């Protein structure tokens, strides 16, 4: 059993969580001004880093809140967690 630390509920089984993708993807301020290629880049292109990487997760079968977590994409080791608008863990990409 792998435990993920929810910053709101504490350690819980990994089956309670859903992956939400790369963290810190800024939505374009004027999406209507983007070309189709620029919009496609925003929607589909991600870093896909090897190693420590900051991701967003949701506690689907718990409190339902979103948070950030640093996870090593090679070893799957879970690191620091943080809440949106508060402490944000730094990934060492």
PDB file of N, CA and C in Angstrom:
ATOM      1  N   UNK A   1       0.846  -1.175   0.000  1.00  0.00           N
ATOM      2  CA  UNK A   1       0.000   0.000   0.000  1.00  0.00           C
ATOM      3  C   UNK A   1       0.892   1.239   0.000  1.00  0.00           C
ATOM      4  N   UNK A   2       0.600   2.148  -0.884  1.00  0.00           N
ATOM      5  CA  UNK A   2       1.327   3.404  -0.973  1.00  0.00           C
ATOM      6  C   UNK A   2       0.484   4.493  -0.319  1.00  0.00           C
ATOM      7  N   UNK A   3       1.114   5.311   0.534  1.00  0.00           N
ATOM      8  CA  UNK A   3       0.400   6.383   1.205  1.00  0.00           C
ATOM      9  C   UNK A   3       0.732   7.726   0.573  1.00  0.00           C
ATOM     10  N   UNK A   4      -0.288   8.534   0.376  1.00  0.00           N
ATOM     11  CA  UNK A   4      -0.120   9.904  -0.089  1.00  0.00           C
ATOM     12  C   UNK A   4      -0.557  10.806   1.052  1.00  0.00           C
ATOM     13  N   UNK A   5       0.223  11.844   1.320  1.00  0.00           N
ATOM     14  CA  UNK A   5      -0.111  12.764   2.410  1.00  0.00           C
ATOM     15  C   UNK A   5      -0.997  13.883   1.874  1.00  0.00           C
ATOM     16  N   UNK A   6      -2.279  13.837   2.248  1.00  0.00           N
ATOM     17  CA  UNK A   6      -3.195  14.925   1.920  1.00  0.00           C
ATOM     18  C   UNK A   6      -2.931  16.039   2.927  1.00  0.00           C
ATOM     19  N   UNK A   7      -2.667  17.271   2.469  1.00  0.00           N
ATOM     20  CA  UNK A   7      -2.391  18.346   3.422  1.00  0.00           C
ATOM     21  C   UNK A   7      -3.591  18.700   4.297  1.00  0.00           C
ATOM     22  N   UNK A   8      -4.770  18.206   3.964  1.00  0.00           N
ATOM     23  CA  UNK A   8      -5.973  18.473   4.736  1.00  0.00           C
ATOM     24  C   UNK A   8      -6.352  17.313   5.649  1.00  0.00           C
ATOM     25  N   UNK A   9      -6.128  16.075   5.185  1.00  0.00           N
ATOM     26  CA  UNK A   9      -6.596  14.885   5.913  1.00  0.00           C
ATOM     27  C   UNK A   9      -5.481  14.023   6.492  1.00  0.00           C
ATOM     28  N   UNK A  10      -4.247  14.276   6.083  1.00  0.00           N
ATOM     29  CA  UNK A  10      -3.143  13.433   6.527  1.00  0.00           C
ATOM     30  C   UNK A  10      -2.921  12.267   5.576  1.00  0.00           C
ATOM     31  N   UNK A  11      -2.097  11.296   5.967  1.00  0.00           N
ATOM     32  CA  UNK A  11      -1.763  10.166   5.099  1.00  0.00           C
ATOM     33  C   UNK A  11      -2.981   9.291   4.796  1.00  0.00           C
ATOM     34  N   UNK A  12      -3.158   8.988   3.520  1.00  0.00           N
ATOM     35  CA  UNK A  12      -4.258   8.127   3.081  1.00  0.00           C
ATOM     36  C   UNK A  12      -3.750   7.210   1.971  1.00  0.00           C
ATOM     37  N   UNK A  13      -4.482   6.123   1.744  1.00  0.00           N
ATOM     38  CA  UNK A  13      -4.121   5.166   0.699  1.00  0.00           C
ATOM     39  C   UNK A  13      -4.197   5.820  -0.678  1.00  0.00           C
ATOM     40  N   UNK A  14      -3.271   5.470  -1.545  1.00  0.00           N
ATOM     41  CA  UNK A  14      -3.196   6.084  -2.873  1.00  0.00           C
ATOM     42  C   UNK A  14      -4.467   5.904  -3.697  1.00  0.00           C
ATOM     43  N   UNK A  15      -5.261   4.878  -3.412  1.00  0.00           N
ATOM     44  CA  UNK A  15      -6.481   4.633  -4.185  1.00  0.00           C
ATOM     45  C   UNK A  15      -7.541   5.708  -3.949  1.00  0.00           C
ATOM     46  N   UNK A  16      -7.362   6.555  -2.933  1.00  0.00           N
ATOM     47  CA  UNK A  16      -8.318   7.627  -2.646  1.00  0.00           C
ATOM     48  C   UNK A  16      -8.087   8.867  -3.509  1.00  0.00           C
ATOM     49  N   UNK A  17      -7.002   8.892  -4.294  1.00  0.00           N
ATOM     50  CA  UNK A  17      -6.591  10.100  -5.002  1.00  0.00           C
ATOM     51  C   UNK A  17      -6.660   9.937  -6.511  1.00  0.00           C
ATOM     52  N   UNK A  18      -6.786  11.066  -7.199  1.00  0.00           N
ATOM     53  CA  UNK A  18      -6.735  11.095  -8.661  1.00  0.00           C
ATOM     54  C   UNK A  18      -5.684  12.110  -9.094  1.00  0.00           C
ATOM     55  N   UNK A  19      -4.929  11.727 -10.101  1.00  0.00           N
ATOM     56  CA  UNK A  19      -3.870  12.575 -10.658  1.00  0.00           C
ATOM     57  C   UNK A  19      -4.495  13.680 -11.496  1.00  0.00           C
ATOM     58  N   UNK A  20      -3.983  14.902 -11.355  1.00  0.00           N
ATOM     59  CA  UNK A  20      -4.534  16.031 -12.097  1.00  0.00           C
ATOM     60  C   UNK A  20      -3.567  16.667 -13.074  1.00  0.00           C
ATOM     61  N   UNK A  21      -2.395  16.070 -13.249  1.00  0.00           N
ATOM     62  CA  UNK A  21      -1.454  16.599 -14.222  1.00  0.00           C
ATOM     63  C   UNK A  21      -0.415  17.523 -13.619  1.00  0.00           C
ATOM     64  N   UNK A  22       0.371  18.103 -14.502  1.00  0.00           N
ATOM     65  CA  UNK A  22       1.443  19.010 -14.115  1.00  0.00           C
ATOM     66  C   UNK A  22       0.884  20.239 -13.402  1.00  0.00           C
ATOM     67  N   UNK A  23       1.542  20.650 -12.335  1.00  0.00           N
ATOM     68  CA  UNK A  23       1.113  21.843 -11.590  1.00  0.00           C
ATOM     69  C   UNK A  23       1.676  23.099 -12.249  1.00  0.00           C
ATOM     70  N   UNK A  24       1.079  24.211 -11.915  1.00  0.00           N
ATOM     71  CA  UNK A  24       1.561  25.534 -12.322  1.00  0.00           C
ATOM     72  C   UNK A  24       1.460  25.817 -13.816  1.00  0.00           C
ATOM     73  N   UNK A  25       0.444  25.274 -14.471  1.00  0.00           N
ATOM     74  CA  UNK A  25       0.183  25.609 -15.868  1.00  0.00           C
ATOM     75  C   UNK A  25      -0.719  26.840 -15.850  1.00  0.00           C
ATOM     76  N   UNK A  26      -0.186  27.967 -16.285  1.00  0.00           N
ATOM     77  CA  UNK A  26      -0.944  29.221 -16.253  1.00  0.00           C
ATOM     78  C   UNK A  26      -1.883  29.307 -17.452  1.00  0.00           C
ATOM     79  N   UNK A  27      -3.158  29.532 -17.184  1.00  0.00           N
ATOM     80  CA  UNK A  27      -4.137  29.715 -18.258  1.00  0.00           C
ATOM     81  C   UNK A  27      -3.854  31.051 -18.942  1.00  0.00           C
ATOM     82  N   UNK A  28      -3.906  31.075 -20.270  1.00  0.00           N
ATOM     83  CA  UNK A  28      -3.678  32.337 -20.995  1.00  0.00           C
ATOM     84  C   UNK A  28      -4.675  33.414 -20.561  1.00  0.00           C
ATOM     85  N   UNK A  29      -4.198  34.637 -20.416  1.00  0.00           N
ATOM     86  CA  UNK A  29      -5.063  35.738 -19.980  1.00  0.00           C
ATOM     87  C   UNK A  29      -6.119  36.086 -21.022  1.00  0.00           C
ATOM     88  N   UNK A  30      -5.756  35.959 -22.301  1.00  0.00           N
ATOM     89  CA  UNK A  30      -6.699  36.244 -23.383  1.00  0.00           C
ATOM     90  C   UNK A  30      -6.748  35.046 -24.337  1.00  0.00           C
ATOM     91  N   UNK A  31      -7.435  33.969 -23.949  1.00  0.00           N
ATOM     92  CA  UNK A  31      -7.442  32.769 -24.784  1.00  0.00           C
ATOM     93  C   UNK A  31      -7.999  32.995 -26.184  1.00  0.00           C
ATOM     94  N   UNK A  32      -8.942  33.937 -26.308  1.00  0.00           N
ATOM     95  CA  UNK A  32      -9.528  34.207 -27.625  1.00  0.00           C
ATOM     96  C   UNK A  32      -8.506  34.823 -28.589  1.00  0.00           C
ATOM     97  N   UNK A  33      -7.398  35.351 -28.071  1.00  0.00           N
ATOM     98  CA  UNK A  33      -6.371  35.965 -28.915  1.00  0.00           C
ATOM     99  C   UNK A  33      -5.340  34.946 -29.410  1.00  0.00           C
ATOM    100  N   UNK A  34      -5.411  33.703 -28.917  1.00  0.00           N
ATOM    101  CA  UNK A  34      -4.434  32.686 -29.307  1.00  0.00           C
ATOM    102  C   UNK A  34      -4.770  32.070 -30.658  1.00  0.00           C
ATOM    103  N   UNK A  35      -3.748  31.722 -31.371  1.00  0.00           N
ATOM    104  CA  UNK A  35      -3.952  30.959 -32.612  1.00  0.00           C
ATOM    105  C   UNK A  35      -4.295  29.518 -32.224  1.00  0.00           C
ATOM    106  N   UNK A  36      -4.754  28.742 -33.175  1.00  0.00           N
ATOM    107  CA  UNK A  36      -5.052  27.334 -32.903  1.00  0.00           C
ATOM    108  C   UNK A  36      -3.804  26.598 -32.413  1.00  0.00           C
ATOM    109  N   UNK A  37      -2.660  26.902 -32.993  1.00  0.00           N
ATOM    110  CA  UNK A  37      -1.412  26.244 -32.590  1.00  0.00           C
ATOM    111  C   UNK A  37      -1.030  26.621 -31.160  1.00  0.00           C
ATOM    112  N   UNK A  38      -1.199  27.895 -30.801  1.00  0.00           N
ATOM    113  CA  UNK A  38      -0.881  28.332 -29.438  1.00  0.00           C
ATOM    114  C   UNK A  38      -1.833  27.704 -28.424  1.00  0.00           C
ATOM    115  N   UNK A  39      -3.113  27.604 -28.779  1.00  0.00           N
ATOM    116  CA  UNK A  39      -4.079  26.975 -27.887  1.00  0.00           C
ATOM    117  C   UNK A  39      -3.755  25.494 -27.721  1.00  0.00           C
ATOM    118  N   UNK A  40      -3.394  24.828 -28.806  1.00  0.00           N
ATOM    119  CA  UNK A  40      -3.014  23.408 -28.742  1.00  0.00           C
ATOM    120  C   UNK A  40      -1.797  23.218 -27.836  1.00  0.00           C
ATOM    121  N   UNK A  41      -0.825  24.120 -27.928  1.00  0.00           N
ATOM    122  CA  UNK A  41       0.344  24.053 -27.043  1.00  0.00           C
ATOM    123  C   UNK A  41      -0.084  24.144 -25.582  1.00  0.00           C
ATOM    124  N   UNK A  42      -0.968  25.079 -25.264  1.00  0.00           N
ATOM    125  CA  UNK A  42      -1.438  25.247 -23.890  1.00  0.00           C
ATOM    126  C   UNK A  42      -2.178  23.990 -23.409  1.00  0.00           C
ATOM    127  N   UNK A  43      -3.035  23.443 -24.232  1.00  0.00           N
ATOM    128  CA  UNK A  43      -3.862  22.313 -23.825  1.00  0.00           C
ATOM    129  C   UNK A  43      -3.070  21.010 -23.737  1.00  0.00           C
ATOM    130  N   UNK A  44      -2.168  20.771 -24.703  1.00  0.00           N
ATOM    131  CA  UNK A  44      -1.570  19.443 -24.820  1.00  0.00           C
ATOM    132  C   UNK A  44      -0.104  19.323 -24.419  1.00  0.00           C
ATOM    133  N   UNK A  45       0.697  20.367 -24.541  1.00  0.00           N
ATOM    134  CA  UNK A  45       2.132  20.221 -24.292  1.00  0.00           C
ATOM    135  C   UNK A  45       2.446  20.362 -22.804  1.00  0.00           C
ATOM    136  N   UNK A  46       3.164  19.381 -22.284  1.00  0.00           N
ATOM    137  CA  UNK A  46       3.576  19.383 -20.889  1.00  0.00           C
ATOM    138  C   UNK A  46       5.059  19.031 -20.814  1.00  0.00           C
ATOM    139  N   UNK A  47       5.658  19.333 -19.666  1.00  0.00           N
ATOM    140  CA  UNK A  47       7.089  19.138 -19.481  1.00  0.00           C
ATOM    141  C   UNK A  47       7.494  17.671 -19.554  1.00  0.00           C
ATOM    142  N   UNK A  48       6.729  16.776 -18.906  1.00  0.00           N
ATOM    143  CA  UNK A  48       7.018  15.353 -18.884  1.00  0.00           C
ATOM    144  C   UNK A  48       8.443  15.084 -18.392  1.00  0.00           C
ATOM    145  N   UNK A  49       8.787  15.707 -17.283  1.00  0.00           N
ATOM    146  CA  UNK A  49      10.142  15.626 -16.734  1.00  0.00           C
ATOM    147  C   UNK A  49      10.432  14.251 -16.147  1.00  0.00           C
ATOM    148  N   UNK A  50      11.691  13.893 -16.190  1.00  0.00           N
ATOM    149  CA  UNK A  50      12.176  12.669 -15.564  1.00  0.00           C
ATOM    150  C   UNK A  50      12.823  13.077 -14.249  1.00  0.00           C
ATOM    151  N   UNK A  51      12.332  12.547 -13.144  1.00  0.00           N
ATOM    152  CA  UNK A  51      12.853  12.911 -11.831  1.00  0.00           C
ATOM    153  C   UNK A  51      11.784  13.610 -11.000  1.00  0.00           C
ATOM    154  N   UNK A  52      12.221  14.481 -10.082  1.00  0.00           N
ATOM    155  CA  UNK A  52      11.280  15.196  -9.205  1.00  0.00           C
ATOM    156  C   UNK A  52      10.470  16.211 -10.011  1.00  0.00           C
ATOM    157  N   UNK A  53       9.164  16.194  -9.772  1.00  0.00           N
ATOM    158  CA  UNK A  53       8.239  16.922 -10.616  1.00  0.00           C
ATOM    159  C   UNK A  53       7.040  17.351  -9.787  1.00  0.00           C
ATOM    160  N   UNK A  54       6.600  18.608  -9.911  1.00  0.00           N
ATOM    161  CA  UNK A  54       5.439  19.081  -9.148  1.00  0.00           C
ATOM    162  C   UNK A  54       4.157  18.810  -9.924  1.00  0.00           C
ATOM    163  N   UNK A  55       3.227  18.127  -9.251  1.00  0.00           N
ATOM    164  CA  UNK A  55       1.967  17.724  -9.869  1.00  0.00           C
ATOM    165  C   UNK A  55       0.799  18.221  -9.026  1.00  0.00           C
ATOM    166  N   UNK A  56      -0.396  18.206  -9.614  1.00  0.00           N
ATOM    167  CA  UNK A  56      -1.601  18.500  -8.846  1.00  0.00           C
ATOM    168  C   UNK A  56      -2.405  17.209  -8.703  1.00  0.00           C
ATOM    169  N   UNK A  57      -2.975  17.032  -7.524  1.00  0.00           N
ATOM    170  CA  UNK A  57      -3.752  15.841  -7.186  1.00  0.00           C
ATOM    171  C   UNK A  57      -5.042  16.280  -6.509  1.00  0.00           C
ATOM    172  N   UNK A  58      -6.042  15.421  -6.554  1.00  0.00           N
ATOM    173  CA  UNK A  58      -7.301  15.677  -5.849  1.00  0.00           C
ATOM    174  C   UNK A  58      -7.602  14.467  -4.974  1.00  0.00           C
ATOM    175  N   UNK A  59      -8.062  14.726  -3.764  1.00  0.00           N
ATOM    176  CA  UNK A  59      -8.448  13.662  -2.831  1.00  0.00           C
ATOM    177  C   UNK A  59      -9.886  13.262  -3.161  1.00  0.00           C
ATOM    178  N   UNK A  60     -10.023  12.505  -4.237  1.00  0.00           N
ATOM    179  CA  UNK A  60     -11.315  12.149  -4.824  1.00  0.00           C
ATOM    180  C   UNK A  60     -12.246  11.461  -3.831  1.00  0.00           C
ATOM    181  N   UNK A  61     -11.728  10.474  -3.117  1.00  0.00           N
ATOM    182  CA  UNK A  61     -12.556   9.686  -2.194  1.00  0.00           C
ATOM    183  C   UNK A  61     -12.283  10.100  -0.756  1.00  0.00           C
ATOM    184  N   UNK A  62     -12.161  11.397  -0.564  1.00  0.00           N
ATOM    185  CA  UNK A  62     -11.907  11.954   0.766  1.00  0.00           C
ATOM    186  C   UNK A  62     -12.504  13.342   0.831  1.00  0.00           C
ATOM    187  N   UNK A  63     -11.668  14.326   1.113  1.00  0.00           N
ATOM    188  CA  UNK A  63     -12.144  15.705   1.290  1.00  0.00           C
ATOM    189  C   UNK A  63     -12.497  16.393  -0.025  1.00  0.00           C
ATOM    190  N   UNK A  64     -12.029  15.845  -1.167  1.00  0.00           N
ATOM    191  CA  UNK A  64     -12.354  16.431  -2.470  1.00  0.00           C
ATOM    192  C   UNK A  64     -11.532  17.652  -2.827  1.00  0.00           C
ATOM    193  N   UNK A  65     -10.517  17.959  -2.044  1.00  0.00           N
ATOM    194  CA  UNK A  65      -9.712  19.162  -2.289  1.00  0.00           C
ATOM    195  C   UNK A  65      -8.503  18.855  -3.165  1.00  0.00           C
ATOM    196  N   UNK A  66      -8.123  19.874  -3.935  1.00  0.00           N
ATOM    197  CA  UNK A  66      -6.940  19.801  -4.783  1.00  0.00           C
ATOM    198  C   UNK A  66      -5.720  20.263  -3.998  1.00  0.00           C
ATOM    199  N   UNK A  67      -4.563  19.684  -4.310  1.00  0.00           N
ATOM    200  CA  UNK A  67      -3.308  20.080  -3.687  1.00  0.00           C
ATOM    201  C   UNK A  67      -2.164  19.750  -4.631  1.00  0.00           C
ATOM    202  N   UNK A  68      -0.989  20.242  -4.313  1.00  0.00           N
ATOM    203  CA  UNK A  68       0.187  19.935  -5.119  1.00  0.00           C
ATOM    204  C   UNK A  68       1.072  18.944  -4.374  1.00  0.00           C
ATOM    205  N   UNK A  69       1.794  18.157  -5.149  1.00  0.00           N
ATOM    206  CA  UNK A  69       2.717  17.187  -4.566  1.00  0.00           C
ATOM    207  C   UNK A  69       3.922  17.054  -5.487  1.00  0.00           C
ATOM    208  N   UNK A  70       5.089  16.950  -4.890  1.00  0.00           N
ATOM    209  CA  UNK A  70       6.294  16.647  -5.653  1.00  0.00           C
ATOM    210  C   UNK A  70       6.429  15.133  -5.672  1.00  0.00           C
ATOM    211  N   UNK A  71       6.548  14.569  -6.872  1.00  0.00           N
ATOM    212  CA  UNK A  71       6.691  13.118  -7.030  1.00  0.00           C
ATOM    213  C   UNK A  71       7.854  12.856  -7.965  1.00  0.00           C
ATOM    214  N   UNK A  72       8.633  11.841  -7.658  1.00  0.00           N
ATOM    215  CA  UNK A  72       9.717  11.427  -8.537  1.00  0.00           C
ATOM    216  C   UNK A  72       9.127  10.496  -9.587  1.00  0.00           C
ATOM    217  N   UNK A  73       9.192  10.898 -10.845  1.00  0.00           N
ATOM    218  CA  UNK A  73       8.565  10.121 -11.914  1.00  0.00           C
ATOM    219  C   UNK A  73       9.332   8.848 -12.251  1.00  0.00           C
ATOM    220  N   UNK A  74      10.534   8.699 -11.713  1.00  0.00           N
ATOM    221  CA  UNK A  74      11.317   7.482 -11.936  1.00  0.00           C
ATOM    222  C   UNK A  74      11.047   6.465 -10.834  1.00  0.00           C
ATOM    223  N   UNK A  75      11.121   6.905  -9.577  1.00  0.00           N
ATOM    224  CA  UNK A  75      10.963   5.994  -8.442  1.00  0.00           C
ATOM    225  C   UNK A  75       9.544   5.993  -7.873  1.00  0.00           C
ATOM    226  N   UNK A  76       8.715   6.943  -8.257  1.00  0.00           N
ATOM    227  CA  UNK A  76       7.344   7.152  -7.745  1.00  0.00           C
ATOM    228  C   UNK A  76       7.332   7.545  -6.273  1.00  0.00           C
ATOM    229  N   UNK A  77       8.476   7.950  -5.727  1.00  0.00           N
ATOM    230  CA  UNK A  77       8.528   8.423  -4.352  1.00  0.00           C
ATOM    231  C   UNK A  77       7.770   9.742  -4.251  1.00  0.00           C
ATOM    232  N   UNK A  78       6.899   9.828  -3.246  1.00  0.00           N
ATOM    233  CA  UNK A  78       6.124  11.041  -3.028  1.00  0.00           C
ATOM    234  C   UNK A  78       6.877  11.952  -2.076  1.00  0.00           C
ATOM    235  N   UNK A  79       6.894  13.234  -2.391  1.00  0.00           N
ATOM    236  CA  UNK A  79       7.599  14.204  -1.566  1.00  0.00           C
ATOM    237  C   UNK A  79       6.645  15.184  -0.919  1.00  0.00           C
ATOM    238  N   UNK A  80       7.068  16.445  -0.885  1.00  0.00           N
ATOM    239  CA  UNK A  80       6.318  17.499  -0.211  1.00  0.00           C
ATOM    240  C   UNK A  80       4.949  17.700  -0.853  1.00  0.00           C
ATOM    241  N   UNK A  81       3.977  18.025  -0.012  1.00  0.00           N
ATOM    242  CA  UNK A  81       2.657  18.400  -0.509  1.00  0.00           C
ATOM    243  C   UNK A  81       2.372  19.835  -0.092  1.00  0.00           C
ATOM    244  N   UNK A  82       1.501  20.484  -0.829  1.00  0.00           N
ATOM    245  CA  UNK A  82       1.143  21.869  -0.521  1.00  0.00           C
ATOM    246  C   UNK A  82      -0.266  22.166  -0.977  1.00  0.00           C
ATOM    247  N   UNK A  83      -0.799  23.270  -0.509  1.00  0.00           N
ATOM    248  CA  UNK A  83      -2.152  23.667  -0.881  1.00  0.00           C
ATOM    249  C   UNK A  83      -2.079  24.824  -1.873  1.00  0.00           C
ATOM    250  N   UNK A  84      -3.061  24.939  -2.728  1.00  0.00           N
ATOM    251  CA  UNK A  84      -3.107  26.042  -3.676  1.00  0.00           C
ATOM    252  C   UNK A  84      -3.353  27.334  -2.909  1.00  0.00           C
ATOM    253  N   UNK A  85      -2.610  28.368  -3.254  1.00  0.00           N
ATOM    254  CA  UNK A  85      -2.753  29.660  -2.585  1.00  0.00           C
ATOM    255  C   UNK A  85      -2.000  29.736  -1.274  1.00  0.00           C
ATOM    256  N   UNK A  86      -1.284  28.688  -0.931  1.00  0.00           N
ATOM    257  CA  UNK A  86      -0.509  28.671   0.301  1.00  0.00           C
ATOM    258  C   UNK A  86       0.879  28.153   0.016  1.00  0.00           C
ATOM    259  N   UNK A  87       1.417  27.334   0.873  1.00  0.00           N
ATOM    260  CA  UNK A  87       2.725  26.748   0.671  1.00  0.00           C
ATOM    261  C   UNK A  87       2.743  25.964  -0.627  1.00  0.00           C
ATOM    262  N   UNK A  88       3.715  26.219  -1.449  1.00  0.00           N
ATOM    263  CA  UNK A  88       3.869  25.469  -2.687  1.00  0.00           C
ATOM    264  C   UNK A  88       5.228  24.791  -2.673  1.00  0.00           C
ATOM    265  N   UNK A  89       5.258  23.456  -2.723  1.00  0.00           N
ATOM    266  CA  UNK A  89       6.542  22.766  -2.738  1.00  0.00           C
ATOM    267  C   UNK A  89       7.298  23.048  -4.022  1.00  0.00           C
ATOM    268  N   UNK A  90       8.605  23.086  -3.953  1.00  0.00           N
ATOM    269  CA  UNK A  90       9.448  23.315  -5.119  1.00  0.00           C
ATOM    270  C   UNK A  90       9.909  21.991  -5.687  1.00  0.00           C
ATOM    271  N   UNK A  91       9.667  21.781  -6.955  1.00  0.00           N
ATOM    272  CA  UNK A  91      10.180  20.586  -7.639  1.00  0.00           C
ATOM    273  C   UNK A  91      11.600  20.863  -8.056  1.00  0.00           C
ATOM    274  N   UNK A  92      12.393  19.829  -8.054  1.00  0.00           N
ATOM    275  CA  UNK A  92      13.766  19.963  -8.507  1.00  0.00           C
ATOM    276  C   UNK A  92      13.847  19.245  -9.842  1.00  0.00           C
ATOM    277  N   UNK A  93      13.201  19.801 -10.883  1.00  0.00           N
ATOM    278  CA  UNK A  93      13.028  19.159 -12.176  1.00  0.00           C
ATOM    279  C   UNK A  93      14.248  18.722 -12.782  1.00  0.00           C
TER     280      UNK A  93
END
